[in-house]
Every structure is written in C-alpha cells, then in structure tokens.
Amino acid sequence: MPETTSSPRHYHFISGLPRSGSTLLAAILRQNPRFSAGMSSPVAGLVHTLLHQMSGQNEYAVFLNNQQRATILRGVVEHYYAGYPAAVVFDTNRTWCSKLPLLTTLFPESKVIACVRDIPWIVDSIERLVRKNVFEPSILFNYNTGGTVYTRTNEIVGSNGLIGQAYDALKEAYYGEQASGRLILVPYESLVSAPERVLQALYTFLEEPAYAHDLENLQFDAEAYDRRAGTPGLHQIRPRIEAAARTTILPPDLFQRFQGDAFWRDSARMRPDIPVL
C-alpha cells in the first residue's frame, strides 16, 4: 500500500489518441508507490457536465462567478481522489487535450501526457478487437452489428468519432498557447520499443525522482469493464513489454488513407518546444 504524504498532491493528466498505449503507460506508472494511474476515469465527464450546468443555460448560473466555478471543478477532481494515498495522481481521459486552458487554470502545475500512434494502426487495432469478439457487439460502435470495415472506420474517424474527436483535440492542444512546458507526446512505438528511455524522459519532464520499474511483470485488470462494454481485451496488456511486428488486416486503400496524419513527426508541422519521445 502506498504511503501517505503531507506534501501537496500533484495532478497530471494522460490523454491523446485511443489504442496508443495509455493503459500500458498507466500500468507502468502505478508501480511507483508515489503514483496513482489507471484507465479512463469519470472525472472528465463530471467536469464537462458541471461546466454545462453552470453555464447560462441554467437560470441559476447568475448566482455563480468564475471563482466559484473553478472551486467547484477543482473540488470534483480532488474529492474523487480523496481516498487515494498517492502523492501524484494521473487522471486519464482522451478529452483532456481539448481542455488545456481549463487545466492550466485549475491546476497550474499539472502536465499532460498525450499518447499517440499512427492512425492506420489505431484503426487496425480497433478492427482486430471487432473481429476477435464476433459474438459481442462493441460499445465502440454503439453495439451496432451491421456495417463493414469501411463504414466502421468512417464512423470512428469522423469529427465526433472515437479517433477523430481525440485527434482534433490532440491538435488543439499541440498547437495551443498552453502546450509549451505542459504537454509531452509519447508515441506508442517508443513506449514499446524503448520504455526505459521514455520513462527517464517522463520523470524528468514531471520533475519526479527516478524509480526502478519492473517491465517484466506488468499488471492491469479491467476485464469486467471490457466485457460489459462488449469489447473483451480493450484494456488488456501483456505482462512484459515487447514490440511485436505484424502486418495490417486493413484493405490497402484504407490503410493508406491515413498515411501522413502523424503531424508530430512532420518537420514542417511539428513544434520544437513540444517534446516527442
């Protein structure tokens, strides 16, 4: 059990693209007794709902000022994690990238780790889950049993889709004025092929003392959640990190459709002040 600390608790946020290693990263970080990290939590949804309820659409919003709104929203995060003994909390949600101005205001010392991956391989990873669970319609597609790999892909890459929304949020964060010194990108390929280097860079970025992680014995159990979502294996990780070579199961035209979308590797579009590990 992690030890409690009298020092102020630090909050950081894991965001970025789906199927890009956020669960794996959380499984690694949580080995450190100073840290608490997990899969996507309800915190971001609670914050979004409260923002809406405290807006002008509520007739009682006239009784709220921005200082009160900030106090309430900070309280949601702090009270959700009140029972956690860790000194450093990482809350995970893909939408945090679209809320950098808010996070900067609520938690000025916070950092955002954005997990990224080439879009074709994200689509490939999701399609593998669909084909693996042929008897269980997935929440990723609203439990719809129809469609093809093309219609499924069009749904998730649209502006309101699983990938499209996260991708747009990532670009908003990356090119936003709050990103410098606050945002760091962790490519999936780097995390699985050079985890020690990635962790060393992350600890430096977070200004945390180094910790010896056991990368041969990773544990993370979200089987009950994944099964309820109709997508067994959605958050499953291997006990040992390894980069596995494979060929895509996507049709060639579909795989090539998203080539070049990795702006974080394009020298003409990348920012020199945003680390990409």
Protein backbone atom coordinates (compact mmCIF):
# COMPACT_ATOMS: atom_id res chain seq x y z
CA MET A 1 0.00 0.00 0.00
CA PRO A 2 1.48 3.41 -0.98
CA GLU A 3 2.49 5.67 1.88
CA THR A 4 0.59 8.87 2.55
CA THR A 5 2.38 12.18 2.36
CA SER A 6 1.90 15.57 3.95
CA SER A 7 3.13 17.31 0.78
CA PRO A 8 0.58 18.86 -1.58
CA ARG A 9 -0.83 16.37 -4.05
CA HIS A 10 0.11 16.83 -7.70
CA TYR A 11 -2.34 16.16 -10.52
CA HIS A 12 -1.29 15.24 -14.04
CA PHE A 13 -3.37 14.03 -16.97
CA ILE A 14 -2.96 11.27 -19.56
CA SER A 15 -4.71 11.94 -22.85
CA GLY A 16 -4.12 11.59 -26.58
CA LEU A 17 -5.31 9.02 -29.10
CA PRO A 18 -7.14 5.72 -28.41
CA ARG A 19 -5.28 2.41 -28.68
CA SER A 20 -1.99 4.28 -28.28
CA GLY A 21 -0.63 2.92 -25.01
CA SER A 22 -2.36 4.93 -22.29
CA THR A 23 -3.37 1.78 -20.39
CA LEU A 24 0.14 0.36 -20.74
CA LEU A 25 1.64 3.62 -19.53
CA ALA A 26 -0.72 3.69 -16.53
CA ALA A 27 0.18 0.09 -15.68
CA ILE A 28 3.85 1.09 -15.63
CA LEU A 29 3.45 4.33 -13.69
CA ARG A 30 1.26 2.80 -10.99
CA GLN A 31 4.15 0.56 -9.95
CA ASN A 32 5.65 3.65 -8.34
CA PRO A 33 4.15 3.94 -4.82
CA ARG A 34 4.06 7.73 -5.22
CA PHE A 35 1.77 7.44 -8.22
CA SER A 36 -1.87 6.59 -8.89
CA ALA A 37 -2.80 5.87 -12.51
CA GLY A 38 -5.49 3.87 -14.29
CA MET A 39 -7.75 3.62 -17.32
CA SER A 40 -10.13 6.40 -18.30
CA SER A 41 -12.00 7.73 -15.27
CA PRO A 42 -15.37 9.51 -14.96
CA VAL A 43 -13.70 12.72 -13.78
CA ALA A 44 -13.56 14.43 -17.19
CA GLY A 45 -17.23 13.61 -17.82
CA LEU A 46 -18.19 15.08 -14.45
CA VAL A 47 -16.23 18.23 -15.22
CA HIS A 48 -17.86 18.60 -18.64
CA THR A 49 -21.34 18.11 -17.19
CA LEU A 50 -20.76 20.66 -14.45
CA LEU A 51 -19.40 23.20 -16.93
CA HIS A 52 -22.62 22.83 -18.88
CA GLN A 53 -24.83 23.02 -15.80
CA MET A 54 -23.03 26.13 -14.54
CA SER A 55 -23.40 27.89 -17.90
CA GLY A 56 -26.06 30.35 -18.99
CA GLN A 57 -28.42 27.53 -19.94
CA ASN A 58 -29.13 27.20 -16.22
CA GLU A 59 -31.19 30.10 -14.86
CA TYR A 60 -29.35 29.85 -11.51
CA ALA A 61 -25.96 30.38 -13.14
CA VAL A 62 -26.41 34.08 -12.37
CA PHE A 63 -25.51 33.22 -8.77
CA LEU A 64 -22.14 31.74 -9.76
CA ASN A 65 -18.95 33.63 -10.51
CA ASN A 66 -15.85 32.18 -12.16
CA GLN A 67 -14.03 31.79 -8.88
CA GLN A 68 -16.86 29.62 -7.58
CA ARG A 69 -16.90 27.63 -10.80
CA ALA A 70 -13.16 26.98 -10.52
CA THR A 71 -13.50 25.93 -6.87
CA ILE A 72 -16.31 23.51 -7.72
CA LEU A 73 -14.40 21.95 -10.63
CA ARG A 74 -11.19 21.59 -8.62
CA GLY A 75 -13.27 20.00 -5.91
CA VAL A 76 -14.57 17.35 -8.30
CA VAL A 77 -11.05 16.21 -9.10
CA GLU A 78 -9.76 16.48 -5.54
CA HIS A 79 -12.73 14.75 -3.92
CA TYR A 80 -12.79 11.95 -6.47
CA TYR A 81 -9.22 11.10 -5.49
CA ALA A 82 -9.61 11.95 -1.80
CA GLY A 83 -9.35 8.31 -0.76
CA TYR A 84 -6.20 7.69 -2.78
CA PRO A 85 -2.99 7.78 -0.73
CA ALA A 86 -0.71 8.54 -3.69
CA ALA A 87 1.13 11.86 -3.76
CA VAL A 88 0.85 12.13 -7.56
CA VAL A 89 -2.36 11.35 -9.46
CA PHE A 90 -2.62 10.74 -13.19
CA ASP A 91 -6.20 11.02 -14.46
CA THR A 92 -6.79 9.54 -17.90
CA ASN A 93 -9.26 10.73 -20.49
CA ARG A 94 -8.93 11.47 -24.22
CA THR A 95 -10.83 14.74 -23.87
CA TRP A 96 -8.29 16.40 -21.58
CA CYS A 97 -6.34 17.56 -24.64
CA SER A 98 -9.27 19.83 -25.51
CA LYS A 99 -9.22 21.34 -22.02
CA LEU A 100 -5.67 22.66 -21.64
CA PRO A 101 -6.83 26.22 -20.86
CA LEU A 102 -9.11 24.85 -18.13
CA LEU A 103 -6.45 22.55 -16.67
CA THR A 104 -3.95 25.40 -16.70
CA THR A 105 -6.36 27.48 -14.62
CA LEU A 106 -7.43 24.75 -12.21
CA PHE A 107 -4.05 23.05 -11.75
CA PRO A 108 -1.25 25.39 -12.87
CA GLU A 109 1.49 22.86 -12.08
CA SER A 110 -0.14 19.98 -13.96
CA LYS A 111 1.33 18.30 -17.03
CA VAL A 112 -0.44 16.44 -19.85
CA ILE A 113 0.99 13.25 -21.35
CA ALA A 114 -0.51 12.59 -24.78
CA CYS A 115 -0.15 9.05 -26.11
CA VAL A 116 -0.03 8.97 -29.91
CA ARG A 117 0.14 6.38 -32.67
CA ASP A 118 -0.13 6.29 -36.45
CA ILE A 119 -3.84 6.46 -37.34
CA PRO A 120 -3.79 3.42 -39.66
CA TRP A 121 -2.51 1.23 -36.83
CA ILE A 122 -5.14 2.58 -34.43
CA VAL A 123 -7.85 1.65 -36.93
CA ASP A 124 -6.17 -1.73 -37.40
CA SER A 125 -6.09 -2.32 -33.63
CA ILE A 126 -9.78 -1.50 -33.23
CA GLU A 127 -10.75 -3.69 -36.18
CA ARG A 128 -8.82 -6.59 -34.64
CA LEU A 129 -10.92 -6.27 -31.49
CA VAL A 130 -14.13 -6.27 -33.53
CA ARG A 131 -13.13 -9.41 -35.41
CA LYS A 132 -11.92 -11.14 -32.28
CA ASN A 133 -15.23 -10.64 -30.46
CA VAL A 134 -17.62 -11.78 -33.16
CA PHE A 135 -20.39 -12.67 -30.69
CA GLU A 136 -20.22 -9.45 -28.68
CA PRO A 137 -21.19 -6.15 -30.35
CA SER A 138 -18.95 -3.36 -29.09
CA ILE A 139 -19.72 -0.12 -27.32
CA LEU A 140 -17.21 1.45 -29.71
CA PHE A 141 -19.90 1.24 -32.40
CA ASN A 142 -22.95 1.66 -30.16
CA TYR A 143 -23.39 -2.14 -30.21
CA ASN A 144 -24.28 -1.99 -33.90
CA THR A 145 -23.88 -5.39 -35.58
CA GLY A 146 -24.02 -4.12 -39.14
CA GLY A 147 -21.54 -2.39 -41.40
CA THR A 148 -18.16 -3.21 -42.91
CA VAL A 149 -14.60 -2.28 -42.10
CA TYR A 150 -15.16 0.82 -44.26
CA THR A 151 -18.31 2.01 -42.51
CA ARG A 152 -16.80 1.26 -39.11
CA THR A 153 -13.69 3.24 -40.00
CA ASN A 154 -15.72 6.17 -41.33
CA GLU A 155 -17.64 6.25 -38.05
CA ILE A 156 -14.62 6.34 -35.75
CA VAL A 157 -12.51 8.80 -37.77
CA GLY A 158 -15.29 11.39 -38.13
CA SER A 159 -15.12 14.59 -36.12
CA ASN A 160 -17.38 13.08 -33.45
CA GLY A 161 -15.89 9.60 -33.67
CA LEU A 162 -13.63 7.74 -31.29
CA ILE A 163 -10.47 8.59 -33.23
CA GLY A 164 -11.49 11.80 -34.99
CA GLN A 165 -12.54 13.65 -31.86
CA ALA A 166 -9.37 12.65 -30.00
CA TYR A 167 -7.20 13.56 -32.99
CA ASP A 168 -8.74 17.03 -33.26
CA ALA A 169 -8.34 17.54 -29.50
CA LEU A 170 -4.70 16.50 -29.74
CA LYS A 171 -4.04 19.05 -32.49
CA GLU A 172 -5.84 21.73 -30.48
CA ALA A 173 -3.58 21.03 -27.51
CA TYR A 174 -0.40 20.67 -29.55
CA TYR A 175 -0.77 23.99 -31.33
CA GLY A 176 -2.32 25.85 -28.39
CA GLU A 177 -0.63 28.52 -26.33
CA GLN A 178 -0.67 26.44 -23.13
CA ALA A 179 1.25 23.49 -24.61
CA SER A 180 4.82 24.66 -24.13
CA GLY A 181 6.26 23.20 -20.93
CA ARG A 182 2.98 21.42 -20.16
CA LEU A 183 2.43 18.91 -22.99
CA ILE A 184 4.57 15.92 -23.94
CA LEU A 185 3.85 13.32 -26.63
CA VAL A 186 4.58 9.62 -26.14
CA PRO A 187 4.41 7.61 -29.38
CA TYR A 188 3.25 4.04 -28.90
CA GLU A 189 6.22 2.77 -30.89
CA SER A 190 8.67 4.46 -28.50
CA LEU A 191 6.87 3.16 -25.41
CA VAL A 192 7.02 -0.48 -26.51
CA SER A 193 10.48 -0.42 -28.09
CA ALA A 194 12.37 1.84 -25.67
CA PRO A 195 10.35 2.01 -22.42
CA GLU A 196 13.36 2.80 -20.20
CA ARG A 197 14.26 5.84 -22.30
CA VAL A 198 10.64 7.03 -22.37
CA LEU A 199 10.28 6.66 -18.60
CA GLN A 200 13.51 8.51 -17.94
CA ALA A 201 12.32 11.41 -20.11
CA LEU A 202 8.87 11.40 -18.47
CA TYR A 203 10.31 11.53 -14.95
CA THR A 204 12.49 14.45 -15.97
CA PHE A 205 9.52 16.23 -17.55
CA LEU A 206 7.38 15.62 -14.45
CA GLU A 207 10.24 16.64 -12.14
CA GLU A 208 9.88 13.40 -10.21
CA PRO A 209 12.68 11.30 -8.69
CA ALA A 210 13.58 8.23 -10.75
CA TYR A 211 12.02 4.88 -9.90
CA ALA A 212 13.08 1.37 -10.91
CA HIS A 213 10.10 -0.12 -12.73
CA ASP A 214 9.65 -3.83 -13.31
CA LEU A 215 8.90 -4.01 -17.02
CA GLU A 216 8.81 -7.80 -16.94
CA ASN A 217 5.83 -8.04 -14.61
CA LEU A 218 3.12 -5.53 -15.54
CA GLN A 219 -0.39 -5.95 -14.20
CA PHE A 220 -3.68 -4.30 -15.08
CA ASP A 221 -7.15 -5.81 -14.77
CA ALA A 222 -10.16 -4.22 -16.48
CA GLU A 223 -11.78 -7.45 -17.69
CA ALA A 224 -15.16 -6.71 -16.09
CA TYR A 225 -15.36 -3.26 -17.69
CA ASP A 226 -14.23 -4.52 -21.10
CA ARG A 227 -16.77 -7.36 -21.10
CA ARG A 228 -19.59 -5.03 -20.12
CA ALA A 229 -18.55 -2.76 -23.00
CA GLY A 230 -18.83 -5.70 -25.38
CA THR A 231 -15.13 -5.44 -26.16
CA PRO A 232 -13.10 -8.00 -24.22
CA GLY A 233 -9.42 -7.18 -24.43
CA LEU A 234 -9.95 -3.45 -24.83
CA HIS A 235 -7.65 -2.65 -21.90
CA GLN A 236 -5.70 -5.87 -21.80
CA ILE A 237 -1.92 -5.59 -21.61
CA ARG A 238 0.85 -8.16 -21.68
CA PRO A 239 2.91 -8.73 -18.54
CA ARG A 240 6.07 -7.98 -20.49
CA ILE A 241 6.62 -5.05 -22.86
CA GLU A 242 7.60 -6.10 -26.34
CA ALA A 243 7.37 -4.61 -29.81
CA ALA A 244 5.62 -7.19 -31.99
CA ALA A 245 5.95 -6.91 -35.77
CA ARG A 246 2.77 -7.63 -37.71
CA THR A 247 1.02 -6.97 -40.99
CA THR A 248 -2.20 -4.99 -41.15
CA ILE A 249 -5.59 -6.63 -41.58
CA LEU A 250 -6.98 -3.49 -43.26
CA PRO A 251 -7.53 -3.31 -47.04
CA PRO A 252 -4.56 -1.48 -48.65
CA ASP A 253 -6.58 1.56 -49.73
CA LEU A 254 -7.98 2.01 -46.22
CA PHE A 255 -4.59 1.69 -44.57
CA GLN A 256 -3.02 4.20 -46.96
CA ARG A 257 -5.87 6.67 -46.48
CA PHE A 258 -4.37 7.98 -43.25
CA GLN A 259 -0.70 7.96 -44.16
CA GLY A 260 0.85 11.33 -43.32
CA ASP A 261 -1.54 12.19 -40.47
CA ALA A 262 1.23 11.87 -37.86
CA PHE A 263 1.93 15.61 -37.69
CA TRP A 264 4.18 15.09 -34.66
CA ARG A 265 6.79 13.53 -36.99
CA ASP A 266 6.48 16.07 -39.81
CA SER A 267 9.26 18.66 -39.56
CA ALA A 268 7.07 21.19 -41.37
CA ARG A 269 4.26 20.87 -38.82
CA MET A 270 5.98 19.92 -35.55
CA ARG A 271 6.78 22.35 -32.73
CA PRO A 272 10.37 22.34 -31.44
CA ASP A 273 9.20 23.29 -27.95
CA ILE A 274 6.92 20.23 -27.52
CA PRO A 275 8.83 17.04 -26.65
CA VAL A 276 8.06 13.92 -28.67
CA LEU A 277 9.69 10.89 -27.07
